[in-house]
């Protein structure tokens, strides 16, 4: 497990729950949990470029605790009329469906993200984020084509 900053601040996961996928879904091969979404981090881009996200002992220990508590239930989030390409509206819209598992210890993850933000010298721009891991979607497993705004109401 490691934290990465590439547009969003994500926790790369070594493993996720294995389940039988519903028909039409493809597994997302590079599993991660988004800690803070890219659009929310845009204002802190310079601070994040200078940050070190290497595996310190404290971070690794905390991550092992934070990321291991997956909920028992899986859900599917659906969004209709999502632009195929926001920069090219002529391409039309599509429906996105993502199979995900919520993180059961939301408060522990939130506390970890708040502490991480404090270390970075920024304020957590998504203090109410719903933490989950997307496992599969109906777009060939392309993580960029998953539903991007999953919330507790999608359960």
Protein backbone atom coordinates (compact mmCIF):
# COMPACT_ATOMS: atom_id res chain seq x y z
CA UNK A 1 0.00 0.00 0.00
CA UNK A 2 1.14 3.47 -0.74
CA UNK A 3 -0.24 6.97 -1.08
CA UNK A 4 0.02 8.57 -4.51
CA UNK A 5 -0.76 12.00 -5.85
CA UNK A 6 -1.77 11.93 -9.49
CA UNK A 7 -4.62 14.40 -9.99
CA UNK A 8 -6.26 12.92 -6.85
CA UNK A 9 -4.74 11.76 -3.58
CA UNK A 10 -5.21 7.99 -3.57
CA UNK A 11 -4.26 5.00 -1.51
CA UNK A 12 -3.09 2.19 -3.78
CA UNK A 13 -4.33 -1.10 -2.36
CA UNK A 14 -2.50 -4.42 -2.41
CA UNK A 15 -5.72 -6.41 -2.31
CA UNK A 16 -9.48 -5.99 -2.33
CA UNK A 17 -12.36 -8.37 -1.68
CA UNK A 18 -12.77 -10.96 -4.44
CA UNK A 19 -16.34 -11.41 -5.58
CA UNK A 20 -18.15 -12.92 -8.51
CA UNK A 21 -18.92 -10.03 -10.83
CA UNK A 22 -22.40 -9.39 -12.17
CA UNK A 23 -22.90 -9.82 -15.90
CA UNK A 24 -21.55 -6.90 -17.91
CA UNK A 25 -19.01 -5.79 -15.29
CA UNK A 26 -15.22 -5.92 -15.66
CA UNK A 27 -12.80 -5.85 -12.73
CA UNK A 28 -10.76 -2.69 -12.14
CA UNK A 29 -7.22 -4.04 -12.06
CA UNK A 30 -5.43 -1.22 -10.22
CA UNK A 31 -7.37 -0.98 -6.99
CA UNK A 32 -7.30 2.21 -4.98
CA UNK A 33 -9.27 4.26 -2.52
CA UNK A 34 -9.53 7.96 -3.28
CA UNK A 35 -8.65 9.94 -0.17
CA UNK A 36 -9.31 13.35 -1.74
CA UNK A 37 -10.69 13.89 -5.24
CA UNK A 38 -8.72 15.74 -7.90
CA UNK A 39 -11.02 18.74 -8.40
CA UNK A 40 -10.98 19.43 -4.65
CA UNK A 41 -7.15 19.31 -4.60
CA UNK A 42 -6.59 21.66 -7.52
CA UNK A 43 -6.14 24.63 -5.16
CA UNK A 44 -3.31 22.78 -3.35
CA UNK A 45 -1.44 21.56 -6.43
CA UNK A 46 1.90 23.24 -5.59
CA UNK A 47 1.96 21.97 -1.99
CA UNK A 48 1.23 18.43 -3.14
CA UNK A 49 3.93 18.43 -5.82
CA UNK A 50 6.52 19.13 -3.10
CA UNK A 51 5.16 16.54 -0.66
CA UNK A 52 6.77 13.19 0.13
CA UNK A 53 4.38 10.26 0.10
CA UNK A 54 6.93 7.55 0.81
CA UNK A 55 6.20 4.69 3.20
CA UNK A 56 7.05 6.02 6.63
CA UNK A 57 6.52 3.48 9.41
CA UNK A 58 3.72 5.53 10.98
CA UNK A 59 1.84 5.93 7.70
CA UNK A 60 2.18 2.26 6.73
CA UNK A 61 0.95 1.10 10.14
CA UNK A 62 -2.03 3.47 10.01
CA UNK A 63 -2.86 2.49 6.43
CA UNK A 64 -2.94 -1.20 7.26
CA UNK A 65 -5.52 -0.47 9.94
CA UNK A 66 -7.52 2.04 7.92
CA UNK A 67 -7.78 0.13 4.65
CA UNK A 68 -8.58 -3.35 5.90
CA UNK A 69 -12.12 -2.75 7.06
CA UNK A 70 -14.32 -3.34 4.06
CA UNK A 71 -18.06 -3.52 4.58
CA UNK A 72 -19.78 -6.83 3.92
CA UNK A 73 -22.16 -5.39 1.37
CA UNK A 74 -21.45 -4.51 -2.24
CA UNK A 75 -23.48 -1.93 -4.13
CA UNK A 76 -23.82 -0.62 -7.66
CA UNK A 77 -23.84 3.12 -8.32
CA UNK A 78 -25.44 4.29 -11.57
CA UNK A 79 -25.20 7.71 -13.18
CA UNK A 80 -27.10 8.54 -16.36
CA UNK A 81 -26.24 11.27 -18.85
CA UNK A 82 -22.54 11.51 -17.98
CA UNK A 83 -20.63 13.37 -20.72
CA UNK A 84 -18.43 10.95 -22.68
CA UNK A 85 -15.82 13.74 -22.83
CA UNK A 86 -16.42 16.99 -20.92
CA UNK A 87 -14.15 18.80 -23.38
CA UNK A 88 -16.09 17.56 -26.41
CA UNK A 89 -19.87 17.75 -25.86
CA UNK A 90 -20.51 16.52 -29.42
CA UNK A 91 -19.60 13.00 -28.26
CA UNK A 92 -22.82 12.83 -26.26
CA UNK A 93 -23.54 11.17 -22.94
CA UNK A 94 -23.35 7.68 -21.47
CA UNK A 95 -24.52 5.69 -18.46
CA UNK A 96 -21.88 4.65 -15.95
CA UNK A 97 -22.29 1.77 -13.52
CA UNK A 98 -19.74 0.94 -10.83
CA UNK A 99 -19.68 -1.97 -8.38
CA UNK A 100 -18.17 -0.75 -5.10
CA UNK A 101 -17.64 -1.71 -1.48
CA UNK A 102 -17.90 0.91 1.26
CA UNK A 103 -15.16 1.28 3.85
CA UNK A 104 -16.79 0.40 7.17
CA UNK A 105 -14.53 2.55 9.34
CA UNK A 106 -15.34 5.91 7.72
CA UNK A 107 -14.39 7.93 10.79
CA UNK A 108 -10.93 6.33 11.06
CA UNK A 109 -10.19 7.04 7.39
CA UNK A 110 -11.47 10.60 7.75
CA UNK A 111 -9.25 11.15 10.80
CA UNK A 112 -6.26 9.74 8.89
CA UNK A 113 -6.94 12.04 5.91
CA UNK A 114 -7.32 15.05 8.21
CA UNK A 115 -3.96 14.26 9.85
CA UNK A 116 -2.33 13.76 6.45
CA UNK A 117 -3.69 17.14 5.31
CA UNK A 118 -2.38 18.75 8.47
CA UNK A 119 1.09 17.33 7.78
CA UNK A 120 0.88 18.74 4.25
CA UNK A 121 -0.13 22.15 5.58
CA UNK A 122 -3.53 22.15 3.87
CA UNK A 123 -7.13 21.93 5.03
CA UNK A 124 -9.04 18.80 4.02
CA UNK A 125 -11.20 20.09 1.15
CA UNK A 126 -13.54 17.06 1.38
CA UNK A 127 -14.23 16.58 5.10
CA UNK A 128 -17.46 14.70 4.38
CA UNK A 129 -16.16 12.37 1.67
CA UNK A 130 -17.69 8.87 1.53
CA UNK A 131 -14.80 6.36 1.37
CA UNK A 132 -15.22 3.30 -0.80
CA UNK A 133 -13.33 1.09 -3.22
CA UNK A 134 -14.60 0.64 -6.76
CA UNK A 135 -14.14 -3.00 -7.77
CA UNK A 136 -15.62 -3.15 -11.27
CA UNK A 137 -17.53 -1.16 -13.85
CA UNK A 138 -19.32 -1.52 -17.18
CA UNK A 139 -16.59 0.27 -19.14
CA UNK A 140 -13.99 -2.47 -19.46
CA UNK A 141 -12.61 -1.92 -15.96
CA UNK A 142 -11.27 1.52 -16.90
CA UNK A 143 -11.05 3.30 -13.53
CA UNK A 144 -11.43 6.69 -15.24
CA UNK A 145 -14.87 5.57 -16.47
CA UNK A 146 -16.21 4.69 -13.01
CA UNK A 147 -18.89 6.69 -11.23
CA UNK A 148 -16.84 9.46 -9.66
CA UNK A 149 -19.18 10.78 -7.01
CA UNK A 150 -20.28 7.73 -5.02
CA UNK A 151 -21.97 8.60 -1.73
CA UNK A 152 -23.66 6.76 1.13
CA UNK A 153 -26.98 7.18 -0.67
CA UNK A 154 -25.72 4.78 -3.37
CA UNK A 155 -25.75 1.87 -0.92
